[in-house]
Amino acid sequence: MAVLPATPPNIARAAGVLRNGGVVAFPTETVYGLGANAFDPRAAARVFEIKQRPCFDPLIVHVLDRAMLGRVVAEVPDDAERLIERFWPGALTLVLRKRPAVPDLVTAGSATVAVRMPSHPIARALLASTELPLAAPSANPFGYLSPTRAVHVERLLGASIDLILDGGPSEHGLESTIVALEPRPALLRAGAVDVESIEAEIGTLARGLEGQATTIAPGQAGQHYAPRTPLRLIDLAAVPAGQRARAGALAFREPVEGYAALAVLSPSGDLREAAAYLFETLHDLDSRGLERIDVEPVPERGLGLAIMERLRRAAGK
């Protein structure tokens, strides 16, 4: 396994690895992805193996442009067209009817595929050089914190990956928002594109899909995005002083004294800044050998909805 700066020669090298059935970690604007040729079931199987990811949890497929999208999906409904026009390239994943060329392993047996068009220049250069759609979940062990830097990927997955492209920290630090379009538009995962902006384009989104027999999008596990250190959501000011000495705290705006380790997401109360640093700060707190991590809730508006969704899953609630 090599960790290489994402220069044009190294991107070309990574593309060769992917074309030959290899697995490459690379930066996107959301978090680092673990990529494989989306049309190669053996390569996709390696992704599941490396992540220790259950096969019922589908992968997101990344495409470069509309031409590549047409190789992956069978049709694009009108609502999807509006969202593509507004948010692509970007941090929005759409669940659409798949073409037969997409292996069932990638979609967990579903007739639909979760697909997005990344905006990150390195991800786009890799897609262009590979000339293949890439199945790329977050580059971390299943259920653990998502990686926002190459060093996170190296520490978590190490030698099991053929190559890691280092493109610096991720911009959003939060996974993509996932929207299904059938039988009606529905939010499957809050993420880096806020729900209010999506609803301004196509109207109110249902929350989840009722009666869905199979999982059609990632991130639906009861406990997910979790550090190894036990985590709880709590009002930090209400924690007795005697319970702080061996714990870490993640505050939204104001520091709280008495904790062994403390991080503040955004002193100004900016939810976008808080989202960008969420996983990075949790990675740091998780590395300190703490008894637990106490996390202060954030306002559930805009990106706060996505932050709280991840924190609740990390706490196993």
C-alpha atoms as a PDB file:
ATOM      1  CA  MET A   1       0.000   0.000   0.000  1.00  0.00           C
ATOM      2  CA  ALA A   2       1.286   3.449  -0.942  1.00  0.00           C
ATOM      3  CA  VAL A   3       0.080   6.864   0.209  1.00  0.00           C
ATOM      4  CA  LEU A   4       0.769   9.258  -2.645  1.00  0.00           C
ATOM      5  CA  PRO A   5       0.070  12.942  -3.213  1.00  0.00           C
ATOM      6  CA  ALA A   6      -2.716  13.333  -5.764  1.00  0.00           C
ATOM      7  CA  THR A   7      -0.532  14.573  -8.621  1.00  0.00           C
ATOM      8  CA  PRO A   8      -1.516  13.867 -12.256  1.00  0.00           C
ATOM      9  CA  PRO A   9       1.009  10.993 -12.582  1.00  0.00           C
ATOM     10  CA  ASN A  10      -0.244   9.401  -9.359  1.00  0.00           C
ATOM     11  CA  ILE A  11      -3.874   9.815 -10.401  1.00  0.00           C
ATOM     12  CA  ALA A  12      -3.018   8.021 -13.654  1.00  0.00           C
ATOM     13  CA  ARG A  13      -1.307   5.281 -11.619  1.00  0.00           C
ATOM     14  CA  ALA A  14      -4.389   4.943  -9.422  1.00  0.00           C
ATOM     15  CA  ALA A  15      -6.606   4.713 -12.508  1.00  0.00           C
ATOM     16  CA  GLY A  16      -4.510   1.809 -13.758  1.00  0.00           C
ATOM     17  CA  VAL A  17      -4.932   0.034 -10.435  1.00  0.00           C
ATOM     18  CA  LEU A  18      -8.714   0.476 -10.650  1.00  0.00           C
ATOM     19  CA  ARG A  19      -8.918  -0.731 -14.258  1.00  0.00           C
ATOM     20  CA  ASN A  20      -7.056  -3.895 -13.197  1.00  0.00           C
ATOM     21  CA  GLY A  21      -9.510  -4.732 -10.406  1.00  0.00           C
ATOM     22  CA  GLY A  22      -7.719  -2.945  -7.582  1.00  0.00           C
ATOM     23  CA  VAL A  23      -9.045  -0.790  -4.755  1.00  0.00           C
ATOM     24  CA  VAL A  24      -8.002   2.845  -4.281  1.00  0.00           C
ATOM     25  CA  ALA A  25      -8.867   5.371  -1.557  1.00  0.00           C
ATOM     26  CA  PHE A  26      -9.323   8.926  -2.805  1.00  0.00           C
ATOM     27  CA  PRO A  27     -10.638  12.274  -1.574  1.00  0.00           C
ATOM     28  CA  THR A  28     -14.063  13.634  -2.380  1.00  0.00           C
ATOM     29  CA  GLU A  29     -15.706  16.848  -1.228  1.00  0.00           C
ATOM     30  CA  THR A  30     -17.641  14.836   1.389  1.00  0.00           C
ATOM     31  CA  VAL A  31     -15.247  12.253   2.924  1.00  0.00           C
ATOM     32  CA  TYR A  32     -12.559   9.908   1.573  1.00  0.00           C
ATOM     33  CA  GLY A  33     -13.942   7.098  -0.567  1.00  0.00           C
ATOM     34  CA  LEU A  34     -12.786   3.511  -1.093  1.00  0.00           C
ATOM     35  CA  GLY A  35     -13.158   3.019  -4.823  1.00  0.00           C
ATOM     36  CA  ALA A  36     -13.450   0.044  -7.163  1.00  0.00           C
ATOM     37  CA  ASN A  37     -14.717  -0.503 -10.707  1.00  0.00           C
ATOM     38  CA  ALA A  38     -18.506  -0.479 -10.285  1.00  0.00           C
ATOM     39  CA  PHE A  39     -18.935  -3.012 -13.119  1.00  0.00           C
ATOM     40  CA  ASP A  40     -16.513  -5.555 -11.593  1.00  0.00           C
ATOM     41  CA  PRO A  41     -18.163  -7.727  -8.908  1.00  0.00           C
ATOM     42  CA  ARG A  42     -14.819  -9.117  -7.753  1.00  0.00           C
ATOM     43  CA  ALA A  43     -13.441  -5.629  -7.196  1.00  0.00           C
ATOM     44  CA  ALA A  44     -16.634  -4.632  -5.377  1.00  0.00           C
ATOM     45  CA  ALA A  45     -16.320  -7.745  -3.215  1.00  0.00           C
ATOM     46  CA  ARG A  46     -12.870  -6.573  -2.133  1.00  0.00           C
ATOM     47  CA  VAL A  47     -14.421  -3.301  -0.945  1.00  0.00           C
ATOM     48  CA  PHE A  48     -16.898  -5.223   1.206  1.00  0.00           C
ATOM     49  CA  GLU A  49     -14.090  -7.428   2.526  1.00  0.00           C
ATOM     50  CA  ILE A  50     -11.746  -4.540   3.358  1.00  0.00           C
ATOM     51  CA  LYS A  51     -14.476  -2.590   5.133  1.00  0.00           C
ATOM     52  CA  GLN A  52     -15.952  -5.723   6.785  1.00  0.00           C
ATOM     53  CA  ARG A  53     -19.198  -4.382   5.398  1.00  0.00           C
ATOM     54  CA  PRO A  54     -22.295  -6.616   5.300  1.00  0.00           C
ATOM     55  CA  CYS A  55     -23.484  -7.395   1.785  1.00  0.00           C
ATOM     56  CA  PHE A  56     -26.973  -6.065   2.551  1.00  0.00           C
ATOM     57  CA  ASP A  57     -25.524  -2.520   2.674  1.00  0.00           C
ATOM     58  CA  PRO A  58     -25.289  -1.113  -0.896  1.00  0.00           C
ATOM     59  CA  LEU A  59     -22.492   1.032  -2.290  1.00  0.00           C
ATOM     60  CA  ILE A  60     -22.740   4.502  -3.821  1.00  0.00           C
ATOM     61  CA  VAL A  61     -21.580   4.663  -7.440  1.00  0.00           C
ATOM     62  CA  HIS A  62     -19.685   7.792  -8.521  1.00  0.00           C
ATOM     63  CA  VAL A  63     -19.904   9.054 -12.105  1.00  0.00           C
ATOM     64  CA  LEU A  64     -18.077  11.774 -14.016  1.00  0.00           C
ATOM     65  CA  ASP A  65     -20.813  13.113 -16.285  1.00  0.00           C
ATOM     66  CA  ARG A  66     -24.199  12.445 -17.874  1.00  0.00           C
ATOM     67  CA  ALA A  67     -22.697  10.000 -20.363  1.00  0.00           C
ATOM     68  CA  MET A  68     -21.285   7.864 -17.543  1.00  0.00           C
ATOM     69  CA  LEU A  69     -24.569   8.187 -15.643  1.00  0.00           C
ATOM     70  CA  GLY A  70     -26.318   6.684 -18.664  1.00  0.00           C
ATOM     71  CA  ARG A  71     -24.133   3.581 -18.374  1.00  0.00           C
ATOM     72  CA  VAL A  72     -25.304   3.079 -14.764  1.00  0.00           C
ATOM     73  CA  VAL A  73     -28.987   4.076 -14.584  1.00  0.00           C
ATOM     74  CA  ALA A  74     -31.904   3.093 -16.821  1.00  0.00           C
ATOM     75  CA  GLU A  75     -33.976   6.260 -16.462  1.00  0.00           C
ATOM     76  CA  VAL A  76     -33.917   9.691 -14.845  1.00  0.00           C
ATOM     77  CA  PRO A  77     -37.324  10.906 -13.580  1.00  0.00           C
ATOM     78  CA  ASP A  78     -38.289  14.580 -13.845  1.00  0.00           C
ATOM     79  CA  ASP A  79     -37.636  15.280 -10.164  1.00  0.00           C
ATOM     80  CA  ALA A  80     -34.195  13.736 -10.500  1.00  0.00           C
ATOM     81  CA  GLU A  81     -33.494  15.940 -13.511  1.00  0.00           C
ATOM     82  CA  ARG A  82     -34.289  19.030 -11.448  1.00  0.00           C
ATOM     83  CA  LEU A  83     -32.011  17.905  -8.637  1.00  0.00           C
ATOM     84  CA  ILE A  84     -29.192  17.021 -11.035  1.00  0.00           C
ATOM     85  CA  GLU A  85     -29.437  20.442 -12.648  1.00  0.00           C
ATOM     86  CA  ARG A  86     -29.304  22.163  -9.257  1.00  0.00           C
ATOM     87  CA  PHE A  87     -26.874  20.058  -7.212  1.00  0.00           C
ATOM     88  CA  TRP A  88     -24.565  18.105  -9.513  1.00  0.00           C
ATOM     89  CA  PRO A  89     -21.623  17.916  -9.429  1.00  0.00           C
ATOM     90  CA  GLY A  90     -21.948  17.880  -5.646  1.00  0.00           C
ATOM     91  CA  ALA A  91     -22.796  16.115  -2.429  1.00  0.00           C
ATOM     92  CA  LEU A  92     -26.215  14.738  -3.368  1.00  0.00           C
ATOM     93  CA  THR A  93     -26.797  11.025  -4.018  1.00  0.00           C
ATOM     94  CA  LEU A  94     -29.894   9.919  -5.948  1.00  0.00           C
ATOM     95  CA  VAL A  95     -31.410   6.439  -5.911  1.00  0.00           C
ATOM     96  CA  LEU A  96     -32.420   5.545  -9.476  1.00  0.00           C
ATOM     97  CA  ARG A  97     -33.337   2.453 -11.518  1.00  0.00           C
ATOM     98  CA  LYS A  98     -30.123   0.634 -12.422  1.00  0.00           C
ATOM     99  CA  ARG A  99     -28.950  -0.905 -15.665  1.00  0.00           C
ATOM    100  CA  PRO A 100     -28.163  -4.664 -15.740  1.00  0.00           C
ATOM    101  CA  ALA A 101     -24.446  -3.906 -16.066  1.00  0.00           C
ATOM    102  CA  VAL A 102     -24.355  -2.834 -12.405  1.00  0.00           C
ATOM    103  CA  PRO A 103     -23.755  -6.014 -10.344  1.00  0.00           C
ATOM    104  CA  ASP A 104     -26.331  -6.979  -7.728  1.00  0.00           C
ATOM    105  CA  LEU A 105     -23.545  -7.024  -5.129  1.00  0.00           C
ATOM    106  CA  VAL A 106     -23.092  -3.255  -5.556  1.00  0.00           C
ATOM    107  CA  THR A 107     -26.798  -2.589  -4.999  1.00  0.00           C
ATOM    108  CA  ALA A 108     -27.433  -5.288  -2.361  1.00  0.00           C
ATOM    109  CA  GLY A 109     -29.816  -7.007  -4.750  1.00  0.00           C
ATOM    110  CA  SER A 110     -31.960  -3.948  -5.304  1.00  0.00           C
ATOM    111  CA  ALA A 111     -33.242  -2.883  -8.727  1.00  0.00           C
ATOM    112  CA  THR A 112     -32.021   0.631  -7.939  1.00  0.00           C
ATOM    113  CA  VAL A 113     -28.563   2.125  -7.539  1.00  0.00           C
ATOM    114  CA  ALA A 114     -27.382   5.022  -5.367  1.00  0.00           C
ATOM    115  CA  VAL A 115     -25.391   7.339  -7.622  1.00  0.00           C
ATOM    116  CA  ARG A 116     -23.764  10.747  -7.439  1.00  0.00           C
ATOM    117  CA  MET A 117     -21.470  13.026  -9.435  1.00  0.00           C
ATOM    118  CA  PRO A 118     -18.671  14.334  -7.167  1.00  0.00           C
ATOM    119  CA  SER A 119     -17.352  17.877  -7.491  1.00  0.00           C
ATOM    120  CA  HIS A 120     -13.903  17.297  -5.978  1.00  0.00           C
ATOM    121  CA  PRO A 121     -11.263  17.871  -8.692  1.00  0.00           C
ATOM    122  CA  ILE A 122      -9.212  14.828  -7.690  1.00  0.00           C
ATOM    123  CA  ALA A 123     -12.233  12.521  -7.683  1.00  0.00           C
ATOM    124  CA  ARG A 124     -13.247  13.885 -11.083  1.00  0.00           C
ATOM    125  CA  ALA A 125      -9.736  13.513 -12.491  1.00  0.00           C
ATOM    126  CA  LEU A 126      -9.661   9.911 -11.292  1.00  0.00           C
ATOM    127  CA  LEU A 127     -13.029   9.153 -12.892  1.00  0.00           C
ATOM    128  CA  ALA A 128     -11.882  10.776 -16.137  1.00  0.00           C
ATOM    129  CA  SER A 129      -8.616   8.831 -16.192  1.00  0.00           C
ATOM    130  CA  THR A 130     -10.281   5.515 -15.287  1.00  0.00           C
ATOM    131  CA  GLU A 131     -13.224   6.031 -17.684  1.00  0.00           C
ATOM    132  CA  LEU A 132     -15.292   3.859 -15.354  1.00  0.00           C
ATOM    133  CA  PRO A 133     -17.960   4.538 -12.727  1.00  0.00           C
ATOM    134  CA  LEU A 134     -16.531   3.863  -9.282  1.00  0.00           C
ATOM    135  CA  ALA A 135     -18.355   2.140  -6.444  1.00  0.00           C
ATOM    136  CA  ALA A 136     -16.990   4.046  -3.478  1.00  0.00           C
ATOM    137  CA  PRO A 137     -18.291   3.965   0.083  1.00  0.00           C
ATOM    138  CA  SER A 138     -16.407   5.831   2.809  1.00  0.00           C
ATOM    139  CA  ALA A 139     -12.876   4.483   3.348  1.00  0.00           C
ATOM    140  CA  ASN A 140     -13.319   3.205   6.907  1.00  0.00           C
ATOM    141  CA  PRO A 141     -14.272  -0.014   8.691  1.00  0.00           C
ATOM    142  CA  PHE A 142     -18.027  -0.558   8.591  1.00  0.00           C
ATOM    143  CA  GLY A 143     -19.855   1.386  11.288  1.00  0.00           C
ATOM    144  CA  TYR A 144     -16.826   3.485  12.287  1.00  0.00           C
ATOM    145  CA  LEU A 145     -16.177   7.213  11.903  1.00  0.00           C
ATOM    146  CA  SER A 146     -15.833   8.357   8.297  1.00  0.00           C
ATOM    147  CA  PRO A 147     -12.349   9.513   7.216  1.00  0.00           C
ATOM    148  CA  THR A 148     -11.755  13.145   6.277  1.00  0.00           C
ATOM    149  CA  ARG A 149      -7.981  12.872   5.753  1.00  0.00           C
ATOM    150  CA  ALA A 150      -5.666  10.357   4.088  1.00  0.00           C
ATOM    151  CA  VAL A 151      -4.020   9.658   7.453  1.00  0.00           C
ATOM    152  CA  HIS A 152      -7.375   8.432   8.789  1.00  0.00           C
ATOM    153  CA  VAL A 153      -7.617   5.948   5.915  1.00  0.00           C
ATOM    154  CA  GLU A 154      -4.035   4.778   6.390  1.00  0.00           C
ATOM    155  CA  ARG A 155      -4.543   4.234  10.113  1.00  0.00           C
ATOM    156  CA  LEU A 156      -7.895   2.465   9.766  1.00  0.00           C
ATOM    157  CA  LEU A 157      -7.399   0.270   6.694  1.00  0.00           C
ATOM    158  CA  GLY A 158      -3.648   0.347   6.081  1.00  0.00           C
ATOM    159  CA  ALA A 159      -2.085  -2.329   3.913  1.00  0.00           C
ATOM    160  CA  SER A 160      -5.417  -3.784   2.775  1.00  0.00           C
ATOM    161  CA  ILE A 161      -5.755  -0.983   0.175  1.00  0.00           C
ATOM    162  CA  ASP A 162      -3.689  -0.960  -3.007  1.00  0.00           C
ATOM    163  CA  LEU A 163      -3.164   2.805  -3.055  1.00  0.00           C
ATOM    164  CA  ILE A 164      -4.276   5.948  -1.174  1.00  0.00           C
ATOM    165  CA  LEU A 165      -4.387   9.314  -2.946  1.00  0.00           C
ATOM    166  CA  ASP A 166      -3.754  12.163  -0.492  1.00  0.00           C
ATOM    167  CA  GLY A 167      -5.687  15.283  -1.445  1.00  0.00           C
ATOM    168  CA  GLY A 168      -5.734  17.022   1.929  1.00  0.00           C
ATOM    169  CA  PRO A 169      -8.773  17.401   4.197  1.00  0.00           C
ATOM    170  CA  SER A 170     -12.274  16.928   2.821  1.00  0.00           C
ATOM    171  CA  GLU A 171     -14.251  20.120   2.302  1.00  0.00           C
ATOM    172  CA  HIS A 172     -17.584  19.141   3.849  1.00  0.00           C
ATOM    173  CA  GLY A 173     -16.419  16.458   6.281  1.00  0.00           C
ATOM    174  CA  LEU A 174     -19.881  14.911   6.078  1.00  0.00           C
ATOM    175  CA  GLU A 175     -21.306  12.277   3.731  1.00  0.00           C
ATOM    176  CA  SER A 176     -23.651  13.039   0.870  1.00  0.00           C
ATOM    177  CA  THR A 177     -27.373  13.509   1.300  1.00  0.00           C
ATOM    178  CA  ILE A 178     -29.317  10.554  -0.161  1.00  0.00           C
ATOM    179  CA  VAL A 179     -32.705  10.984  -1.840  1.00  0.00           C
ATOM    180  CA  ALA A 180     -34.894   8.298  -3.408  1.00  0.00           C
ATOM    181  CA  LEU A 181     -37.326   9.336  -6.164  1.00  0.00           C
ATOM    182  CA  GLU A 182     -39.731   6.377  -6.288  1.00  0.00           C
ATOM    183  CA  PRO A 183     -42.477   5.735  -5.339  1.00  0.00           C
ATOM    184  CA  ARG A 184     -42.239   9.336  -4.089  1.00  0.00           C
ATOM    185  CA  PRO A 185     -39.304  11.631  -3.257  1.00  0.00           C
ATOM    186  CA  ALA A 186     -37.902  10.622   0.131  1.00  0.00           C
ATOM    187  CA  LEU A 187     -34.936  11.519   2.309  1.00  0.00           C
ATOM    188  CA  LEU A 188     -32.944   8.380   3.115  1.00  0.00           C
ATOM    189  CA  ARG A 189     -29.922  10.082   4.707  1.00  0.00           C
ATOM    190  CA  ALA A 190     -29.365  13.697   5.703  1.00  0.00           C
ATOM    191  CA  GLY A 191     -25.976  14.968   4.582  1.00  0.00           C
ATOM    192  CA  ALA A 192     -23.871  17.757   3.149  1.00  0.00           C
ATOM    193  CA  VAL A 193     -26.711  19.197   1.029  1.00  0.00           C
ATOM    194  CA  ASP A 194     -29.336  20.533   3.428  1.00  0.00           C
ATOM    195  CA  VAL A 195     -32.867  19.191   3.160  1.00  0.00           C
ATOM    196  CA  GLU A 196     -34.420  22.649   2.893  1.00  0.00           C
ATOM    197  CA  SER A 197     -32.560  23.342  -0.375  1.00  0.00           C
ATOM    198  CA  ILE A 198     -33.718  20.041  -1.881  1.00  0.00           C
ATOM    199  CA  GLU A 199     -37.328  20.621  -0.859  1.00  0.00           C
ATOM    200  CA  ALA A 200     -37.178  24.079  -2.440  1.00  0.00           C
ATOM    201  CA  GLU A 201     -36.610  22.309  -5.771  1.00  0.00           C
ATOM    202  CA  ILE A 202     -39.042  19.361  -5.675  1.00  0.00           C
ATOM    203  CA  GLY A 203     -41.311  19.831  -2.664  1.00  0.00           C
ATOM    204  CA  THR A 204     -41.576  18.079   0.688  1.00  0.00           C
ATOM    205  CA  LEU A 205     -39.575  14.871   1.104  1.00  0.00           C
ATOM    206  CA  ALA A 206     -40.917  11.855   2.929  1.00  0.00           C
ATOM    207  CA  ARG A 207     -38.615  10.610   5.688  1.00  0.00           C
ATOM    208  CA  GLY A 208     -37.556   7.123   4.619  1.00  0.00           C
ATOM    209  CA  LEU A 209     -39.443   4.584   2.530  1.00  0.00           C
ATOM    210  CA  GLU A 210     -42.171   2.528   4.168  1.00  0.00           C
ATOM    211  CA  GLY A 211     -42.425  -1.168   3.334  1.00  0.00           C
ATOM    212  CA  GLN A 212     -39.008  -1.315   1.666  1.00  0.00           C
ATOM    213  CA  ALA A 213     -37.967  -4.989   1.554  1.00  0.00           C
ATOM    214  CA  THR A 214     -34.278  -4.360   0.864  1.00  0.00           C
ATOM    215  CA  THR A 215     -31.824  -1.663   1.888  1.00  0.00           C
ATOM    216  CA  ILE A 216     -31.382   0.655  -1.101  1.00  0.00           C
ATOM    217  CA  ALA A 217     -28.966   3.199   0.375  1.00  0.00           C
ATOM    218  CA  PRO A 218     -26.027   3.097   2.812  1.00  0.00           C
ATOM    219  CA  GLY A 219     -25.907   4.493   6.328  1.00  0.00           C
ATOM    220  CA  GLN A 220     -29.133   2.900   7.564  1.00  0.00           C
ATOM    221  CA  ALA A 221     -27.629   0.679  10.281  1.00  0.00           C
ATOM    222  CA  GLY A 222     -28.847   1.308  13.818  1.00  0.00           C
ATOM    223  CA  GLN A 223     -25.329   2.071  15.078  1.00  0.00           C
ATOM    224  CA  HIS A 224     -23.141   3.761  12.512  1.00  0.00           C
ATOM    225  CA  TYR A 225     -20.481   6.500  12.212  1.00  0.00           C
ATOM    226  CA  ALA A 226     -19.339   5.449  15.710  1.00  0.00           C
ATOM    227  CA  PRO A 227     -15.981   5.881  17.465  1.00  0.00           C
ATOM    228  CA  ARG A 228     -14.619   2.942  19.436  1.00  0.00           C
ATOM    229  CA  THR A 229     -14.856   5.013  22.612  1.00  0.00           C
ATOM    230  CA  PRO A 230     -18.421   4.955  24.018  1.00  0.00           C
ATOM    231  CA  LEU A 231     -20.285   8.096  22.998  1.00  0.00           C
ATOM    232  CA  ARG A 232     -23.370   9.718  24.483  1.00  0.00           C
ATOM    233  CA  LEU A 233     -25.433  12.782  23.594  1.00  0.00           C
ATOM    234  CA  ILE A 234     -25.885  14.952  26.657  1.00  0.00           C
ATOM    235  CA  ASP A 235     -26.104  18.508  27.992  1.00  0.00           C
ATOM    236  CA  LEU A 236     -22.446  19.023  28.928  1.00  0.00           C
ATOM    237  CA  ALA A 237     -23.248  21.579  31.620  1.00  0.00           C
ATOM    238  CA  ALA A 238     -25.411  19.014  33.384  1.00  0.00           C
ATOM    239  CA  VAL A 239     -22.611  16.434  33.737  1.00  0.00           C
ATOM    240  CA  PRO A 240     -21.340  16.401  37.349  1.00  0.00           C
ATOM    241  CA  ALA A 241     -17.758  17.595  37.737  1.00  0.00           C
ATOM    242  CA  GLY A 242     -16.733  14.233  39.199  1.00  0.00           C
ATOM    243  CA  GLN A 243     -17.736  12.466  35.953  1.00  0.00           C
ATOM    244  CA  ARG A 244     -15.607  14.634  33.663  1.00  0.00           C
ATOM    245  CA  ALA A 245     -12.026  13.826  34.657  1.00  0.00           C
ATOM    246  CA  ARG A 246     -11.592  10.699  32.471  1.00  0.00           C
ATOM    247  CA  ALA A 247     -13.940  11.681  29.663  1.00  0.00           C
ATOM    248  CA  GLY A 248     -13.734  13.802  26.531  1.00  0.00           C
ATOM    249  CA  ALA A 249     -16.245  16.402  25.446  1.00  0.00           C
ATOM    250  CA  LEU A 250     -17.363  17.676  22.066  1.00  0.00           C
ATOM    251  CA  ALA A 251     -19.108  21.009  22.490  1.00  0.00           C
ATOM    252  CA  PHE A 252     -21.013  22.910  19.841  1.00  0.00           C
ATOM    253  CA  ARG A 253     -20.061  26.517  20.723  1.00  0.00           C
ATOM    254  CA  GLU A 254     -18.919  27.003  24.320  1.00  0.00           C
ATOM    255  CA  PRO A 255     -16.065  25.115  26.056  1.00  0.00           C
ATOM    256  CA  VAL A 256     -16.878  23.265  29.280  1.00  0.00           C
ATOM    257  CA  GLU A 257     -14.245  22.927  31.997  1.00  0.00           C
ATOM    258  CA  GLY A 258     -13.155  19.793  33.801  1.00  0.00           C
ATOM    259  CA  TYR A 259     -12.957  17.297  30.912  1.00  0.00           C
ATOM    260  CA  ALA A 260      -9.756  15.396  30.155  1.00  0.00           C
ATOM    261  CA  ALA A 261     -10.038  16.458  26.503  1.00  0.00           C
ATOM    262  CA  LEU A 262     -12.252  19.056  24.867  1.00  0.00           C
ATOM    263  CA  ALA A 263     -13.104  20.066  21.308  1.00  0.00           C
ATOM    264  CA  VAL A 264     -15.434  22.830  20.132  1.00  0.00           C
ATOM    265  CA  LEU A 265     -17.080  22.428  16.725  1.00  0.00           C
ATOM    266  CA  SER A 266     -17.845  26.078  15.968  1.00  0.00           C
ATOM    267  CA  PRO A 267     -17.415  28.977  18.429  1.00  0.00           C
ATOM    268  CA  SER A 268     -19.516  31.132  16.075  1.00  0.00           C
ATOM    269  CA  GLY A 269     -22.344  28.577  15.904  1.00  0.00           C
ATOM    270  CA  ASP A 270     -21.837  27.963  12.159  1.00  0.00           C
ATOM    271  CA  LEU A 271     -23.396  24.572  11.367  1.00  0.00           C
ATOM    272  CA  ARG A 272     -21.408  24.219   8.141  1.00  0.00           C
ATOM    273  CA  GLU A 273     -18.169  24.652  10.072  1.00  0.00           C
ATOM    274  CA  ALA A 274     -19.438  22.206  12.699  1.00  0.00           C
ATOM    275  CA  ALA A 275     -20.200  19.622  10.009  1.00  0.00           C
ATOM    276  CA  ALA A 276     -16.768  20.044   8.419  1.00  0.00           C
ATOM    277  CA  TYR A 277     -14.960  19.290  11.691  1.00  0.00           C
ATOM    278  CA  LEU A 278     -17.317  16.685  13.190  1.00  0.00           C
ATOM    279  CA  PHE A 279     -15.524  13.490  12.151  1.00  0.00           C
ATOM    280  CA  GLU A 280     -12.052  15.026  12.434  1.00  0.00           C
ATOM    281  CA  THR A 281     -12.631  16.006  16.070  1.00  0.00           C
ATOM    282  CA  LEU A 282     -14.203  12.641  16.882  1.00  0.00           C
ATOM    283  CA  HIS A 283     -11.189  10.857  15.351  1.00  0.00           C
ATOM    284  CA  ASP A 284      -8.932  12.916  17.618  1.00  0.00           C
ATOM    285  CA  LEU A 285     -10.979  12.290  20.776  1.00  0.00           C
ATOM    286  CA  ASP A 286     -11.239   8.585  19.943  1.00  0.00           C
ATOM    287  CA  SER A 287      -7.426   8.305  19.818  1.00  0.00           C
ATOM    288  CA  ARG A 288      -6.891   9.584  23.379  1.00  0.00           C
ATOM    289  CA  GLY A 289      -7.815   6.532  25.422  1.00  0.00           C
ATOM    290  CA  LEU A 290     -10.772   8.206  27.119  1.00  0.00           C
ATOM    291  CA  GLU A 291     -13.425   6.503  29.204  1.00  0.00           C
ATOM    292  CA  ARG A 292     -16.193   7.996  27.050  1.00  0.00           C
ATOM    293  CA  ILE A 293     -17.036  10.959  24.825  1.00  0.00           C
ATOM    294  CA  ASP A 294     -19.830  13.342  25.840  1.00  0.00           C
ATOM    295  CA  VAL A 295     -21.293  15.241  22.898  1.00  0.00           C
ATOM    296  CA  GLU A 296     -23.482  18.310  23.060  1.00  0.00           C
ATOM    297  CA  PRO A 297     -26.471  18.301  20.662  1.00  0.00           C
ATOM    298  CA  VAL A 298     -26.580  20.929  17.908  1.00  0.00           C
ATOM    299  CA  PRO A 299     -29.659  22.737  16.568  1.00  0.00           C
ATOM    300  CA  GLU A 300     -31.592  20.475  14.176  1.00  0.00           C
ATOM    301  CA  ARG A 301     -31.879  22.871  11.257  1.00  0.00           C
ATOM    302  CA  GLY A 302     -29.927  22.956   7.993  1.00  0.00           C
ATOM    303  CA  LEU A 303     -26.822  20.777   8.304  1.00  0.00           C
ATOM    304  CA  GLY A 304     -27.614  20.311  11.990  1.00  0.00           C
ATOM    305  CA  LEU A 305     -30.093  17.633  10.915  1.00  0.00           C
ATOM    306  CA  ALA A 306     -27.298  15.621   9.300  1.00  0.00           C
ATOM    307  CA  ILE A 307     -24.965  16.140  12.258  1.00  0.00           C
ATOM    308  CA  MET A 308     -27.564  14.931  14.746  1.00  0.00           C
ATOM    309  CA  GLU A 309     -28.490  11.932  12.601  1.00  0.00           C
ATOM    310  CA  ARG A 310     -24.870  10.791  12.733  1.00  0.00           C
ATOM    311  CA  LEU A 311     -24.456  11.489  16.425  1.00  0.00           C
ATOM    312  CA  ARG A 312     -27.588   9.511  17.290  1.00  0.00           C
ATOM    313  CA  ARG A 313     -26.347   6.565  15.227  1.00  0.00           C
ATOM    314  CA  ALA A 314     -22.881   6.879  16.786  1.00  0.00           C
ATOM    315  CA  ALA A 315     -24.506   6.679  20.206  1.00  0.00           C
ATOM    316  CA  GLY A 316     -26.495   3.637  19.066  1.00  0.00           C
ATOM    317  CA  LYS A 317     -29.869   5.360  19.529  1.00  0.00           C
END
